[in-house]
Amino acid sequence: MTTLLNPADTAATETPARPVRWWRRRRASADPTPVWLTIVGVFVALYLVLPTLIVIPMSFSEASTFVFPPRGHSLWLYRNFFTNDRWLDSLRNSVIVAASAAAIATVVGTAAALGLHQLRGRRSARFLQSALMFPILTPSIVIATAVYISFLRWHLVGTFTGYVLAHAALATPFVLATVTSALGTFNPTYLRAAASLGASPWRSFLTVTLPLISRGVATGAVLAFVTSFDEVVIALFIRSPKFQTLPVQMYNSVTVEIDPTIAASSSLIVVTVSFIFLVALLSSARRNRSGSTRPRRSVVRRTR
C-alpha cells in the first residue's frame, strides 16, 4: 500500500540550508600559508630592513660621531655631503661609471641573449651561457684579484676605462638573465611575418624583437646600473688617489677616519635605489595594462 505524503509535511521535515557566514567564506578562500612560515618571513624582513631603520635616523643626528639613538635633529650631515668636494667627486664618478657600465652591459648582454636564443637546444649554447654567468658565481675577491693583475699589465688601474670595463663585466650576466627570460615567451612567428613583408633583419629587430623584450632589457639595465654603483671590492683594488667611487669613499670614512657623513650618503643611496626600482615596477605595470608589448603597426605594413 502506497502512502502519499503531504507536500507541506515533506517541506517541514527537510533541514533548511544555513546561510554561509562572511567569515567562513573568507576563511575558505584564505591563503593556506602556515603560521610559522609567516612568522619566519616577518623576522627575515625585519632583519633585512633593520640596518636601514638605524642608518636613516642617524643621518639626521647632530652628533659628530656614530651615536644611536641619534642626539638631536639636524641636517648638517647632508650639508656636509653636498658641500664636501671629496663626497661630490666620488658621487659624480660613481654615477658616470655606473651609467657607462650599464650601457655597455645592456648592449653586450642583449646581443649575447639573442645569439644564445638562436642556438637554443645545442650543447654549445648551454656552455656559453654558463661561461657568461661566471662573474655571478665567482667570489668577488677572486674576480678583483684577477682584474687587478690584468689591469696592471694594461695600465688601467685607477683609470675611468678600467672601472667601466670591470663593472660592465660584472653587470653583463644580469642583463643576460633578464633578456633570456623575456625571450622565453617570444614568438618567432612575428619575425617570419616581418621578413615575408620585406623587413630587413635590423628593422625586424627594432620594430618586433626589441618592443617585445623591452621590459627584460630595461630591467637588466637597471640591475646593471645598481650593480656597478654599489660595487666596492673591485673598486678597492683598482682605486687611485685621483679617482675613486662613492662606495670606496664610504669605506674610507669608516676605516681611515670616523666620518658620520656616511649615514647621509647611505640614506641617499637607499632612497635613490628604491625610487629607481619603484619607477621600473610602475612602468612595467602600466605597460601590462595598456598592452604595449604587442608589435608595432609598422611591422604589419609592407615595406617598400
C-alpha atoms as a PDB file:
ATOM      1  CA  MET A   1       0.000   0.000   0.000  1.00  0.00           C
ATOM      2  CA  THR A   2       1.457   3.327  -1.026  1.00  0.00           C
ATOM      3  CA  THR A   3       1.184   6.243   1.354  1.00  0.00           C
ATOM      4  CA  LEU A   4       1.034   9.700  -0.130  1.00  0.00           C
ATOM      5  CA  LEU A   5       2.850  12.381   1.814  1.00  0.00           C
ATOM      6  CA  ASN A   6       1.598  15.861   2.119  1.00  0.00           C
ATOM      7  CA  PRO A   7       3.962  18.359   0.431  1.00  0.00           C
ATOM      8  CA  ALA A   8       3.679  20.578   3.477  1.00  0.00           C
ATOM      9  CA  ASP A   9       4.876  17.741   5.747  1.00  0.00           C
ATOM     10  CA  THR A  10       7.770  16.977   3.363  1.00  0.00           C
ATOM     11  CA  ALA A  11       8.906  20.585   3.393  1.00  0.00           C
ATOM     12  CA  ALA A  12       8.712  20.622   7.167  1.00  0.00           C
ATOM     13  CA  THR A  13      10.913  17.538   7.523  1.00  0.00           C
ATOM     14  CA  GLU A  14      13.657  18.927   5.273  1.00  0.00           C
ATOM     15  CA  THR A  15      16.523  20.721   7.037  1.00  0.00           C
ATOM     16  CA  PRO A  16      16.698  24.348   5.948  1.00  0.00           C
ATOM     17  CA  ALA A  17      20.019  25.443   4.407  1.00  0.00           C
ATOM     18  CA  ARG A  18      22.053  27.588   6.744  1.00  0.00           C
ATOM     19  CA  PRO A  19      23.349  30.857   5.375  1.00  0.00           C
ATOM     20  CA  VAL A  20      27.107  30.933   4.846  1.00  0.00           C
ATOM     21  CA  ARG A  21      28.642  33.459   7.146  1.00  0.00           C
ATOM     22  CA  TRP A  22      31.037  36.026   5.715  1.00  0.00           C
ATOM     23  CA  TRP A  23      33.884  34.936   7.972  1.00  0.00           C
ATOM     24  CA  ARG A  24      33.540  31.321   6.828  1.00  0.00           C
ATOM     25  CA  ARG A  25      33.727  32.386   3.189  1.00  0.00           C
ATOM     26  CA  ARG A  26      36.826  34.412   3.930  1.00  0.00           C
ATOM     27  CA  ARG A  27      38.416  31.539   5.826  1.00  0.00           C
ATOM     28  CA  ALA A  28      37.786  29.120   2.955  1.00  0.00           C
ATOM     29  CA  SER A  29      39.421  31.422   0.385  1.00  0.00           C
ATOM     30  CA  ALA A  30      42.361  32.428   2.579  1.00  0.00           C
ATOM     31  CA  ASP A  31      45.966  31.678   1.678  1.00  0.00           C
ATOM     32  CA  PRO A  32      46.909  28.297   3.170  1.00  0.00           C
ATOM     33  CA  THR A  33      50.358  29.561   4.225  1.00  0.00           C
ATOM     34  CA  PRO A  34      51.376  28.102   7.585  1.00  0.00           C
ATOM     35  CA  VAL A  35      51.583  30.472  10.515  1.00  0.00           C
ATOM     36  CA  TRP A  36      55.190  29.566  11.272  1.00  0.00           C
ATOM     37  CA  LEU A  37      56.209  30.414   7.716  1.00  0.00           C
ATOM     38  CA  THR A  38      54.581  33.831   8.029  1.00  0.00           C
ATOM     39  CA  ILE A  39      56.438  34.462  11.293  1.00  0.00           C
ATOM     40  CA  VAL A  40      59.755  33.458   9.722  1.00  0.00           C
ATOM     41  CA  GLY A  41      59.088  35.753   6.764  1.00  0.00           C
ATOM     42  CA  VAL A  42      58.355  38.676   9.078  1.00  0.00           C
ATOM     43  CA  PHE A  43      61.592  38.109  11.010  1.00  0.00           C
ATOM     44  CA  VAL A  44      63.616  37.881   7.793  1.00  0.00           C
ATOM     45  CA  ALA A  45      62.057  41.117   6.521  1.00  0.00           C
ATOM     46  CA  LEU A  46      62.845  42.867   9.796  1.00  0.00           C
ATOM     47  CA  TYR A  47      66.412  41.566   9.674  1.00  0.00           C
ATOM     48  CA  LEU A  48      66.876  42.996   6.190  1.00  0.00           C
ATOM     49  CA  VAL A  49      65.195  46.327   6.927  1.00  0.00           C
ATOM     50  CA  LEU A  50      66.724  46.853  10.401  1.00  0.00           C
ATOM     51  CA  PRO A  51      70.016  48.427   9.174  1.00  0.00           C
ATOM     52  CA  THR A  52      68.021  50.968   7.175  1.00  0.00           C
ATOM     53  CA  LEU A  53      65.891  51.797  10.198  1.00  0.00           C
ATOM     54  CA  ILE A  54      69.100  52.550  12.111  1.00  0.00           C
ATOM     55  CA  VAL A  55      71.083  54.405   9.443  1.00  0.00           C
ATOM     56  CA  ILE A  56      68.363  56.795   8.288  1.00  0.00           C
ATOM     57  CA  PRO A  57      67.642  58.224  11.790  1.00  0.00           C
ATOM     58  CA  MET A  58      71.399  58.579  12.369  1.00  0.00           C
ATOM     59  CA  SER A  59      71.680  60.729   9.257  1.00  0.00           C
ATOM     60  CA  PHE A  60      69.580  63.413  10.975  1.00  0.00           C
ATOM     61  CA  SER A  61      71.693  63.435  14.149  1.00  0.00           C
ATOM     62  CA  GLU A  62      73.648  66.483  15.248  1.00  0.00           C
ATOM     63  CA  ALA A  63      76.421  64.392  16.853  1.00  0.00           C
ATOM     64  CA  SER A  64      79.905  64.384  15.302  1.00  0.00           C
ATOM     65  CA  THR A  65      80.304  60.622  15.664  1.00  0.00           C
ATOM     66  CA  PHE A  66      78.248  57.444  15.318  1.00  0.00           C
ATOM     67  CA  VAL A  67      75.571  57.520  18.032  1.00  0.00           C
ATOM     68  CA  PHE A  68      72.291  55.624  18.209  1.00  0.00           C
ATOM     69  CA  PRO A  69      69.718  56.716  19.210  1.00  0.00           C
ATOM     70  CA  PRO A  70      70.588  59.995  17.481  1.00  0.00           C
ATOM     71  CA  ARG A  71      71.225  63.093  19.555  1.00  0.00           C
ATOM     72  CA  GLY A  72      69.040  65.946  18.465  1.00  0.00           C
ATOM     73  CA  HIS A  73      67.914  66.640  14.925  1.00  0.00           C
ATOM     74  CA  SER A  74      69.996  68.389  12.302  1.00  0.00           C
ATOM     75  CA  LEU A  75      70.761  68.354   8.580  1.00  0.00           C
ATOM     76  CA  TRP A  76      74.457  69.107   8.906  1.00  0.00           C
ATOM     77  CA  LEU A  77      75.460  65.632   7.660  1.00  0.00           C
ATOM     78  CA  TYR A  78      73.563  66.196   4.409  1.00  0.00           C
ATOM     79  CA  ARG A  79      75.006  69.697   4.205  1.00  0.00           C
ATOM     80  CA  ASN A  80      78.494  68.268   4.604  1.00  0.00           C
ATOM     81  CA  PHE A  81      77.822  65.662   1.928  1.00  0.00           C
ATOM     82  CA  PHE A  82      76.687  68.204  -0.669  1.00  0.00           C
ATOM     83  CA  THR A  83      79.421  70.738   0.162  1.00  0.00           C
ATOM     84  CA  ASN A  84      82.437  68.438   0.564  1.00  0.00           C
ATOM     85  CA  ASP A  85      84.421  68.050  -2.658  1.00  0.00           C
ATOM     86  CA  ARG A  86      85.536  64.511  -1.824  1.00  0.00           C
ATOM     87  CA  TRP A  87      81.990  63.230  -1.453  1.00  0.00           C
ATOM     88  CA  LEU A  88      80.714  65.087  -4.504  1.00  0.00           C
ATOM     89  CA  ASP A  89      83.587  63.913  -6.692  1.00  0.00           C
ATOM     90  CA  SER A  90      83.115  60.306  -5.623  1.00  0.00           C
ATOM     91  CA  LEU A  91      79.359  60.566  -6.244  1.00  0.00           C
ATOM     92  CA  ARG A  92      79.900  62.001  -9.714  1.00  0.00           C
ATOM     93  CA  ASN A  93      82.438  59.289 -10.517  1.00  0.00           C
ATOM     94  CA  SER A  94      80.049  56.554  -9.384  1.00  0.00           C
ATOM     95  CA  VAL A  95      77.163  57.898 -11.474  1.00  0.00           C
ATOM     96  CA  ILE A  96      79.277  58.264 -14.622  1.00  0.00           C
ATOM     97  CA  VAL A  97      80.915  54.862 -14.235  1.00  0.00           C
ATOM     98  CA  ALA A  98      77.601  53.141 -13.456  1.00  0.00           C
ATOM     99  CA  ALA A  99      75.841  54.731 -16.433  1.00  0.00           C
ATOM    100  CA  SER A 100      78.663  53.829 -18.818  1.00  0.00           C
ATOM    101  CA  ALA A 101      78.985  50.284 -17.484  1.00  0.00           C
ATOM    102  CA  ALA A 102      75.213  49.779 -17.637  1.00  0.00           C
ATOM    103  CA  ALA A 103      75.116  50.952 -21.269  1.00  0.00           C
ATOM    104  CA  ILE A 104      77.897  48.552 -22.296  1.00  0.00           C
ATOM    105  CA  ALA A 105      76.436  45.678 -20.274  1.00  0.00           C
ATOM    106  CA  THR A 106      72.973  46.234 -21.758  1.00  0.00           C
ATOM    107  CA  VAL A 107      74.238  46.105 -25.339  1.00  0.00           C
ATOM    108  CA  VAL A 108      76.542  43.123 -24.765  1.00  0.00           C
ATOM    109  CA  GLY A 109      74.070  41.189 -22.621  1.00  0.00           C
ATOM    110  CA  THR A 110      71.188  41.711 -25.043  1.00  0.00           C
ATOM    111  CA  ALA A 111      73.302  40.661 -28.018  1.00  0.00           C
ATOM    112  CA  ALA A 112      74.518  37.580 -26.155  1.00  0.00           C
ATOM    113  CA  ALA A 113      70.972  36.622 -25.161  1.00  0.00           C
ATOM    114  CA  LEU A 114      69.762  36.939 -28.760  1.00  0.00           C
ATOM    115  CA  GLY A 115      72.661  34.856 -30.029  1.00  0.00           C
ATOM    116  CA  LEU A 116      72.123  32.143 -27.446  1.00  0.00           C
ATOM    117  CA  HIS A 117      68.416  32.164 -28.245  1.00  0.00           C
ATOM    118  CA  GLN A 118      69.236  31.296 -31.845  1.00  0.00           C
ATOM    119  CA  LEU A 119      71.436  28.425 -30.622  1.00  0.00           C
ATOM    120  CA  ARG A 120      68.918  27.083 -28.121  1.00  0.00           C
ATOM    121  CA  GLY A 121      68.834  23.303 -27.817  1.00  0.00           C
ATOM    122  CA  ARG A 122      72.539  22.878 -28.523  1.00  0.00           C
ATOM    123  CA  ARG A 123      75.220  21.956 -26.035  1.00  0.00           C
ATOM    124  CA  SER A 124      77.388  24.864 -27.093  1.00  0.00           C
ATOM    125  CA  ALA A 125      74.620  27.286 -26.086  1.00  0.00           C
ATOM    126  CA  ARG A 126      74.475  25.827 -22.589  1.00  0.00           C
ATOM    127  CA  PHE A 127      78.253  26.015 -22.237  1.00  0.00           C
ATOM    128  CA  LEU A 128      78.397  29.623 -23.455  1.00  0.00           C
ATOM    129  CA  GLN A 129      75.571  30.684 -21.161  1.00  0.00           C
ATOM    130  CA  SER A 130      77.287  29.081 -18.169  1.00  0.00           C
ATOM    131  CA  ALA A 131      80.547  30.812 -19.097  1.00  0.00           C
ATOM    132  CA  LEU A 132      78.825  34.195 -19.361  1.00  0.00           C
ATOM    133  CA  MET A 133      77.224  33.701 -15.931  1.00  0.00           C
ATOM    134  CA  PHE A 134      80.653  33.051 -14.427  1.00  0.00           C
ATOM    135  CA  PRO A 135      81.033  36.515 -12.780  1.00  0.00           C
ATOM    136  CA  ILE A 136      77.910  35.918 -10.653  1.00  0.00           C
ATOM    137  CA  LEU A 137      79.079  32.519  -9.390  1.00  0.00           C
ATOM    138  CA  THR A 138      82.680  33.525  -8.639  1.00  0.00           C
ATOM    139  CA  PRO A 139      83.550  35.239  -5.337  1.00  0.00           C
ATOM    140  CA  SER A 140      84.201  38.947  -5.695  1.00  0.00           C
ATOM    141  CA  ILE A 141      87.672  38.740  -4.165  1.00  0.00           C
ATOM    142  CA  VAL A 142      88.775  36.252  -6.833  1.00  0.00           C
ATOM    143  CA  ILE A 143      87.493  38.475  -9.642  1.00  0.00           C
ATOM    144  CA  ALA A 144      89.079  41.538  -8.047  1.00  0.00           C
ATOM    145  CA  THR A 145      92.473  39.822  -7.865  1.00  0.00           C
ATOM    146  CA  ALA A 146      92.285  38.716 -11.492  1.00  0.00           C
ATOM    147  CA  VAL A 147      91.180  42.174 -12.632  1.00  0.00           C
ATOM    148  CA  TYR A 148      93.966  43.877 -10.686  1.00  0.00           C
ATOM    149  CA  ILE A 149      96.677  41.603 -12.138  1.00  0.00           C
ATOM    150  CA  SER A 150      95.338  42.072 -15.666  1.00  0.00           C
ATOM    151  CA  PHE A 151      94.893  45.818 -15.369  1.00  0.00           C
ATOM    152  CA  LEU A 152      98.440  46.246 -14.090  1.00  0.00           C
ATOM    153  CA  ARG A 153      99.746  44.942 -17.422  1.00  0.00           C
ATOM    154  CA  TRP A 154      97.323  47.071 -19.413  1.00  0.00           C
ATOM    155  CA  HIS A 155      97.921  50.211 -17.288  1.00  0.00           C
ATOM    156  CA  LEU A 156      94.219  50.518 -16.446  1.00  0.00           C
ATOM    157  CA  VAL A 157      94.479  50.614 -12.643  1.00  0.00           C
ATOM    158  CA  GLY A 158      92.871  53.757 -11.277  1.00  0.00           C
ATOM    159  CA  THR A 159      91.519  54.870 -14.658  1.00  0.00           C
ATOM    160  CA  PHE A 160      87.987  55.567 -15.757  1.00  0.00           C
ATOM    161  CA  THR A 161      88.236  52.970 -18.521  1.00  0.00           C
ATOM    162  CA  GLY A 162      89.322  50.314 -16.050  1.00  0.00           C
ATOM    163  CA  TYR A 163      86.363  50.980 -13.770  1.00  0.00           C
ATOM    164  CA  VAL A 164      83.893  50.867 -16.659  1.00  0.00           C
ATOM    165  CA  LEU A 165      85.273  47.639 -18.149  1.00  0.00           C
ATOM    166  CA  ALA A 166      85.403  45.840 -14.797  1.00  0.00           C
ATOM    167  CA  HIS A 167      81.896  46.894 -13.772  1.00  0.00           C
ATOM    168  CA  ALA A 168      80.471  46.110 -17.208  1.00  0.00           C
ATOM    169  CA  ALA A 169      81.863  42.571 -16.942  1.00  0.00           C
ATOM    170  CA  LEU A 170      80.134  42.169 -13.579  1.00  0.00           C
ATOM    171  CA  ALA A 171      76.804  43.600 -14.784  1.00  0.00           C
ATOM    172  CA  THR A 172      76.533  41.750 -18.100  1.00  0.00           C
ATOM    173  CA  PRO A 173      75.231  38.467 -16.572  1.00  0.00           C
ATOM    174  CA  PHE A 174      72.269  40.302 -15.016  1.00  0.00           C
ATOM    175  CA  VAL A 175      71.244  41.683 -18.404  1.00  0.00           C
ATOM    176  CA  LEU A 176      71.755  38.267 -19.969  1.00  0.00           C
ATOM    177  CA  ALA A 177      69.483  36.627 -17.387  1.00  0.00           C
ATOM    178  CA  THR A 178      66.635  39.133 -17.724  1.00  0.00           C
ATOM    179  CA  VAL A 179      66.699  39.254 -21.536  1.00  0.00           C
ATOM    180  CA  THR A 180      66.880  35.454 -21.744  1.00  0.00           C
ATOM    181  CA  SER A 181      63.829  35.250 -19.522  1.00  0.00           C
ATOM    182  CA  ALA A 182      61.991  37.724 -21.770  1.00  0.00           C
ATOM    183  CA  LEU A 183      62.923  35.724 -24.861  1.00  0.00           C
ATOM    184  CA  GLY A 184      61.381  32.621 -23.308  1.00  0.00           C
ATOM    185  CA  THR A 185      57.904  33.878 -24.280  1.00  0.00           C
ATOM    186  CA  PHE A 186      58.974  35.344 -27.620  1.00  0.00           C
ATOM    187  CA  ASN A 187      57.068  34.032 -30.642  1.00  0.00           C
ATOM    188  CA  PRO A 188      59.346  33.725 -33.726  1.00  0.00           C
ATOM    189  CA  THR A 189      56.288  33.841 -35.978  1.00  0.00           C
ATOM    190  CA  TYR A 190      56.399  37.635 -35.797  1.00  0.00           C
ATOM    191  CA  LEU A 191      59.890  37.658 -37.314  1.00  0.00           C
ATOM    192  CA  ARG A 192      58.830  35.382 -40.158  1.00  0.00           C
ATOM    193  CA  ALA A 193      55.827  37.614 -40.800  1.00  0.00           C
ATOM    194  CA  ALA A 194      58.032  40.716 -40.868  1.00  0.00           C
ATOM    195  CA  ALA A 195      60.513  39.003 -43.228  1.00  0.00           C
ATOM    196  CA  SER A 196      57.684  37.965 -45.550  1.00  0.00           C
ATOM    197  CA  LEU A 197      56.613  41.597 -45.743  1.00  0.00           C
ATOM    198  CA  GLY A 198      60.101  42.682 -46.787  1.00  0.00           C
ATOM    199  CA  ALA A 199      61.534  43.918 -43.491  1.00  0.00           C
ATOM    200  CA  SER A 200      65.305  43.699 -43.093  1.00  0.00           C
ATOM    201  CA  PRO A 201      66.785  41.873 -40.063  1.00  0.00           C
ATOM    202  CA  TRP A 202      67.760  45.163 -38.446  1.00  0.00           C
ATOM    203  CA  ARG A 203      64.287  46.639 -38.924  1.00  0.00           C
ATOM    204  CA  SER A 204      62.709  43.429 -37.642  1.00  0.00           C
ATOM    205  CA  PHE A 205      64.818  43.716 -34.516  1.00  0.00           C
ATOM    206  CA  LEU A 206      63.900  47.358 -33.915  1.00  0.00           C
ATOM    207  CA  THR A 207      60.167  47.010 -34.620  1.00  0.00           C
ATOM    208  CA  VAL A 208      59.421  43.456 -33.482  1.00  0.00           C
ATOM    209  CA  THR A 209      62.024  41.908 -31.190  1.00  0.00           C
ATOM    210  CA  LEU A 210      63.036  44.947 -29.169  1.00  0.00           C
ATOM    211  CA  PRO A 211      59.487  46.072 -28.238  1.00  0.00           C
ATOM    212  CA  LEU A 212      58.615  42.556 -27.124  1.00  0.00           C
ATOM    213  CA  ILE A 213      61.686  42.176 -24.889  1.00  0.00           C
ATOM    214  CA  SER A 214      61.870  45.813 -23.804  1.00  0.00           C
ATOM    215  CA  ARG A 215      60.870  45.012 -20.235  1.00  0.00           C
ATOM    216  CA  GLY A 216      63.670  42.475 -19.898  1.00  0.00           C
ATOM    217  CA  VAL A 217      66.177  44.914 -21.390  1.00  0.00           C
ATOM    218  CA  ALA A 218      65.037  47.742 -19.099  1.00  0.00           C
ATOM    219  CA  THR A 219      65.155  45.505 -16.033  1.00  0.00           C
ATOM    220  CA  GLY A 220      68.654  44.336 -16.937  1.00  0.00           C
ATOM    221  CA  ALA A 221      69.810  47.919 -17.446  1.00  0.00           C
ATOM    222  CA  VAL A 222      68.527  48.923 -14.011  1.00  0.00           C
ATOM    223  CA  LEU A 223      70.186  45.917 -12.377  1.00  0.00           C
ATOM    224  CA  ALA A 224      73.429  46.673 -14.209  1.00  0.00           C
ATOM    225  CA  PHE A 225      73.403  50.290 -13.041  1.00  0.00           C
ATOM    226  CA  VAL A 226      72.732  49.328  -9.419  1.00  0.00           C
ATOM    227  CA  THR A 227      75.378  46.589  -9.505  1.00  0.00           C
ATOM    228  CA  SER A 228      78.018  48.984 -10.787  1.00  0.00           C
ATOM    229  CA  PHE A 229      77.002  51.796  -8.469  1.00  0.00           C
ATOM    230  CA  ASP A 230      77.139  49.537  -5.407  1.00  0.00           C
ATOM    231  CA  GLU A 231      80.347  47.609  -6.251  1.00  0.00           C
ATOM    232  CA  VAL A 232      83.167  48.084  -3.741  1.00  0.00           C
ATOM    233  CA  VAL A 233      85.540  45.073  -3.829  1.00  0.00           C
ATOM    234  CA  ILE A 234      86.993  45.624  -7.309  1.00  0.00           C
ATOM    235  CA  ALA A 235      86.875  49.384  -6.770  1.00  0.00           C
ATOM    236  CA  LEU A 236      89.109  48.971  -3.706  1.00  0.00           C
ATOM    237  CA  PHE A 237      91.660  47.006  -5.736  1.00  0.00           C
ATOM    238  CA  ILE A 238      91.903  49.385  -8.700  1.00  0.00           C
ATOM    239  CA  ARG A 239      91.372  52.675  -6.887  1.00  0.00           C
ATOM    240  CA  SER A 240      93.767  55.584  -7.082  1.00  0.00           C
ATOM    241  CA  PRO A 241      94.121  58.850  -5.142  1.00  0.00           C
ATOM    242  CA  LYS A 242      92.810  60.772  -8.152  1.00  0.00           C
ATOM    243  CA  PHE A 243      89.788  58.600  -8.995  1.00  0.00           C
ATOM    244  CA  GLN A 244      87.567  56.686  -6.589  1.00  0.00           C
ATOM    245  CA  THR A 245      83.879  55.871  -6.410  1.00  0.00           C
ATOM    246  CA  LEU A 246      81.336  56.562  -3.701  1.00  0.00           C
ATOM    247  CA  PRO A 247      81.479  53.071  -2.097  1.00  0.00           C
ATOM    248  CA  VAL A 248      85.263  53.458  -1.711  1.00  0.00           C
ATOM    249  CA  GLN A 249      84.803  56.864  -0.101  1.00  0.00           C
ATOM    250  CA  MET A 250      82.236  55.368   2.263  1.00  0.00           C
ATOM    251  CA  TYR A 251      84.656  52.575   3.136  1.00  0.00           C
ATOM    252  CA  ASN A 252      87.402  55.092   3.861  1.00  0.00           C
ATOM    253  CA  SER A 253      85.075  57.158   6.061  1.00  0.00           C
ATOM    254  CA  VAL A 254      84.706  54.158   8.380  1.00  0.00           C
ATOM    255  CA  THR A 255      88.171  52.577   8.288  1.00  0.00           C
ATOM    256  CA  VAL A 256      90.526  55.527   7.798  1.00  0.00           C
ATOM    257  CA  GLU A 257      88.547  58.285   9.532  1.00  0.00           C
ATOM    258  CA  ILE A 258      85.414  58.407  11.628  1.00  0.00           C
ATOM    259  CA  ASP A 259      83.123  60.452   9.432  1.00  0.00           C
ATOM    260  CA  PRO A 260      79.381  60.163  10.188  1.00  0.00           C
ATOM    261  CA  THR A 261      78.615  61.614   6.759  1.00  0.00           C
ATOM    262  CA  ILE A 262      78.412  58.008   5.625  1.00  0.00           C
ATOM    263  CA  ALA A 263      74.973  57.855   7.282  1.00  0.00           C
ATOM    264  CA  ALA A 264      73.697  60.599   4.981  1.00  0.00           C
ATOM    265  CA  SER A 265      75.266  59.041   1.891  1.00  0.00           C
ATOM    266  CA  SER A 266      73.843  55.616   2.772  1.00  0.00           C
ATOM    267  CA  SER A 267      70.385  57.083   3.231  1.00  0.00           C
ATOM    268  CA  LEU A 268      70.588  58.832  -0.131  1.00  0.00           C
ATOM    269  CA  ILE A 269      71.663  55.607  -1.845  1.00  0.00           C
ATOM    270  CA  VAL A 270      68.814  53.623  -0.272  1.00  0.00           C
ATOM    271  CA  VAL A 271      66.233  56.216  -1.288  1.00  0.00           C
ATOM    272  CA  THR A 272      67.622  56.555  -4.822  1.00  0.00           C
ATOM    273  CA  VAL A 273      67.783  52.819  -5.484  1.00  0.00           C
ATOM    274  CA  SER A 274      64.307  52.298  -4.045  1.00  0.00           C
ATOM    275  CA  PHE A 275      62.971  55.078  -6.261  1.00  0.00           C
ATOM    276  CA  ILE A 276      64.568  53.551  -9.372  1.00  0.00           C
ATOM    277  CA  PHE A 277      63.056  50.135  -8.696  1.00  0.00           C
ATOM    278  CA  LEU A 278      59.680  51.690  -7.865  1.00  0.00           C
ATOM    279  CA  VAL A 279      59.615  53.588 -11.149  1.00  0.00           C
ATOM    280  CA  ALA A 280      60.560  50.407 -13.029  1.00  0.00           C
ATOM    281  CA  LEU A 281      57.767  48.433 -11.347  1.00  0.00           C
ATOM    282  CA  LEU A 282      55.171  51.137 -12.011  1.00  0.00           C
ATOM    283  CA  SER A 283      56.157  51.462 -15.655  1.00  0.00           C
ATOM    284  CA  SER A 284      56.027  47.691 -16.079  1.00  0.00           C
ATOM    285  CA  ALA A 285      52.566  47.541 -14.528  1.00  0.00           C
ATOM    286  CA  ARG A 286      51.377  50.363 -16.785  1.00  0.00           C
ATOM    287  CA  ARG A 287      52.668  48.539 -19.850  1.00  0.00           C
ATOM    288  CA  ASN A 288      50.831  45.395 -18.802  1.00  0.00           C
ATOM    289  CA  ARG A 289      47.571  47.312 -18.503  1.00  0.00           C
ATOM    290  CA  SER A 290      47.950  49.165 -21.786  1.00  0.00           C
ATOM    291  CA  GLY A 291      49.177  46.147 -23.719  1.00  0.00           C
ATOM    292  CA  SER A 292      52.129  47.981 -25.203  1.00  0.00           C
ATOM    293  CA  THR A 293      54.171  44.824 -25.600  1.00  0.00           C
ATOM    294  CA  ARG A 294      52.447  43.984 -28.879  1.00  0.00           C
ATOM    295  CA  PRO A 295      54.443  44.582 -32.070  1.00  0.00           C
ATOM    296  CA  ARG A 296      54.109  47.940 -33.715  1.00  0.00           C
ATOM    297  CA  ARG A 297      51.733  48.531 -36.586  1.00  0.00           C
ATOM    298  CA  SER A 298      54.612  49.390 -38.859  1.00  0.00           C
ATOM    299  CA  VAL A 299      55.558  45.723 -38.924  1.00  0.00           C
ATOM    300  CA  VAL A 300      52.246  44.756 -40.441  1.00  0.00           C
ATOM    301  CA  ARG A 301      52.606  47.159 -43.326  1.00  0.00           C
ATOM    302  CA  ARG A 302      54.623  46.023 -46.285  1.00  0.00           C
ATOM    303  CA  THR A 303      57.966  47.789 -46.538  1.00  0.00           C
ATOM    304  CA  ARG A 304      58.987  49.456 -49.737  1.00  0.00           C
END
